[in-house]
Amino acid sequence: MIDADDRRLIAAAASAAEQAYCPYSHYPVGAALEADDGAVFT
């Protein structure tokens, strides 16, 4: 099951993909990482 924390990371990665710069491949990619202290990095 996907819990609330996973959904938060998925949403952060999707947001990063929307802002991706990909003029040649036209294939936006986003990633999100949660640190031990709960901080999310994209």
N, C-alpha and C. Protein backbone atom coordinates (compact mmCIF):
# COMPACT_ATOMS: atom_id res chain seq x y z
N MET A 1 0.84 -1.19 0.00
CA MET A 1 0.00 0.00 0.00
C MET A 1 0.88 1.25 0.00
N ILE A 2 0.37 2.26 -0.62
CA ILE A 2 1.06 3.55 -0.63
C ILE A 2 0.49 4.39 0.51
N ASP A 3 1.36 4.77 1.44
CA ASP A 3 0.88 5.57 2.57
C ASP A 3 1.03 7.07 2.27
N ALA A 4 0.66 7.88 3.22
CA ALA A 4 0.65 9.33 3.03
C ALA A 4 2.05 9.87 2.75
N ASP A 5 3.07 9.32 3.41
CA ASP A 5 4.44 9.78 3.17
C ASP A 5 4.88 9.48 1.75
N ASP A 6 4.52 8.29 1.25
CA ASP A 6 4.86 7.93 -0.13
C ASP A 6 4.14 8.85 -1.11
N ARG A 7 2.88 9.15 -0.84
CA ARG A 7 2.12 10.05 -1.72
C ARG A 7 2.75 11.44 -1.76
N ARG A 8 3.26 11.88 -0.63
CA ARG A 8 3.92 13.19 -0.57
C ARG A 8 5.18 13.19 -1.44
N LEU A 9 5.95 12.11 -1.40
CA LEU A 9 7.15 12.02 -2.23
C LEU A 9 6.80 11.92 -3.71
N ILE A 10 5.75 11.17 -4.02
CA ILE A 10 5.31 11.04 -5.42
C ILE A 10 4.88 12.40 -5.95
N ALA A 11 4.14 13.16 -5.14
CA ALA A 11 3.69 14.49 -5.55
C ALA A 11 4.88 15.42 -5.75
N ALA A 12 5.88 15.33 -4.88
CA ALA A 12 7.07 16.17 -5.02
C ALA A 12 7.84 15.82 -6.29
N ALA A 13 7.95 14.53 -6.60
CA ALA A 13 8.63 14.11 -7.82
C ALA A 13 7.86 14.55 -9.06
N ALA A 14 6.55 14.46 -9.02
CA ALA A 14 5.73 14.90 -10.15
C ALA A 14 5.88 16.40 -10.37
N SER A 15 5.94 17.15 -9.30
CA SER A 15 6.14 18.60 -9.40
C SER A 15 7.51 18.91 -10.00
N ALA A 16 8.51 18.17 -9.60
CA ALA A 16 9.85 18.37 -10.16
C ALA A 16 9.86 18.04 -11.65
N ALA A 17 9.14 17.01 -12.05
CA ALA A 17 9.08 16.64 -13.46
C ALA A 17 8.41 17.73 -14.29
N GLU A 18 7.42 18.39 -13.72
CA GLU A 18 6.75 19.48 -14.43
C GLU A 18 7.69 20.65 -14.69
N GLN A 19 8.71 20.79 -13.86
CA GLN A 19 9.66 21.89 -13.99
C GLN A 19 10.96 21.46 -14.68
N ALA A 20 11.01 20.24 -15.15
CA ALA A 20 12.24 19.70 -15.76
C ALA A 20 12.57 20.42 -17.06
N TYR A 21 13.85 20.63 -17.28
CA TYR A 21 14.34 21.24 -18.51
C TYR A 21 14.85 20.12 -19.41
N CYS A 22 14.13 19.86 -20.49
CA CYS A 22 14.50 18.74 -21.38
C CYS A 22 14.23 19.11 -22.83
N PRO A 23 14.98 20.08 -23.37
CA PRO A 23 14.70 20.57 -24.72
C PRO A 23 15.00 19.56 -25.83
N TYR A 24 15.85 18.60 -25.57
CA TYR A 24 16.23 17.66 -26.63
C TYR A 24 15.47 16.34 -26.54
N SER A 25 15.38 15.78 -25.35
CA SER A 25 14.70 14.48 -25.20
C SER A 25 13.19 14.64 -25.09
N HIS A 26 12.74 15.78 -24.63
CA HIS A 26 11.31 16.01 -24.39
C HIS A 26 10.75 14.94 -23.45
N TYR A 27 11.59 14.49 -22.51
CA TYR A 27 11.21 13.45 -21.57
C TYR A 27 11.48 13.96 -20.16
N PRO A 28 10.49 14.63 -19.56
CA PRO A 28 10.71 15.19 -18.23
C PRO A 28 10.82 14.11 -17.16
N VAL A 29 11.77 14.30 -16.27
CA VAL A 29 11.99 13.35 -15.18
C VAL A 29 12.05 14.12 -13.88
N GLY A 30 11.44 13.57 -12.84
CA GLY A 30 11.51 14.17 -11.52
C GLY A 30 11.84 13.11 -10.49
N ALA A 31 12.51 13.51 -9.44
CA ALA A 31 12.86 12.59 -8.36
C ALA A 31 12.72 13.32 -7.03
N ALA A 32 12.41 12.56 -5.99
CA ALA A 32 12.30 13.13 -4.65
C ALA A 32 12.96 12.17 -3.66
N LEU A 33 13.64 12.73 -2.70
CA LEU A 33 14.34 11.97 -1.68
C LEU A 33 13.96 12.53 -0.33
N GLU A 34 13.64 11.65 0.62
CA GLU A 34 13.34 12.08 1.97
C GLU A 34 14.50 11.74 2.88
N ALA A 35 15.03 12.74 3.57
CA ALA A 35 16.14 12.55 4.50
C ALA A 35 15.63 12.00 5.82
N ASP A 36 16.55 11.55 6.66
CA ASP A 36 16.19 11.01 7.97
C ASP A 36 15.41 12.01 8.82
N ASP A 37 15.70 13.30 8.63
CA ASP A 37 15.01 14.31 9.43
C ASP A 37 13.66 14.73 8.84
N GLY A 38 13.26 14.10 7.72
CA GLY A 38 11.98 14.38 7.10
C GLY A 38 12.02 15.41 5.99
N ALA A 39 13.17 16.03 5.78
CA ALA A 39 13.31 17.01 4.70
C ALA A 39 13.20 16.30 3.36
N VAL A 40 12.52 16.94 2.41
CA VAL A 40 12.35 16.37 1.08
C VAL A 40 13.17 17.18 0.10
N PHE A 41 13.98 16.48 -0.69
CA PHE A 41 14.82 17.10 -1.71
C PHE A 41 14.36 16.63 -3.08
N THR A 42 14.27 17.57 -4.03
CA THR A 42 13.88 17.22 -5.40
C THR A 42 14.94 17.69 -6.37
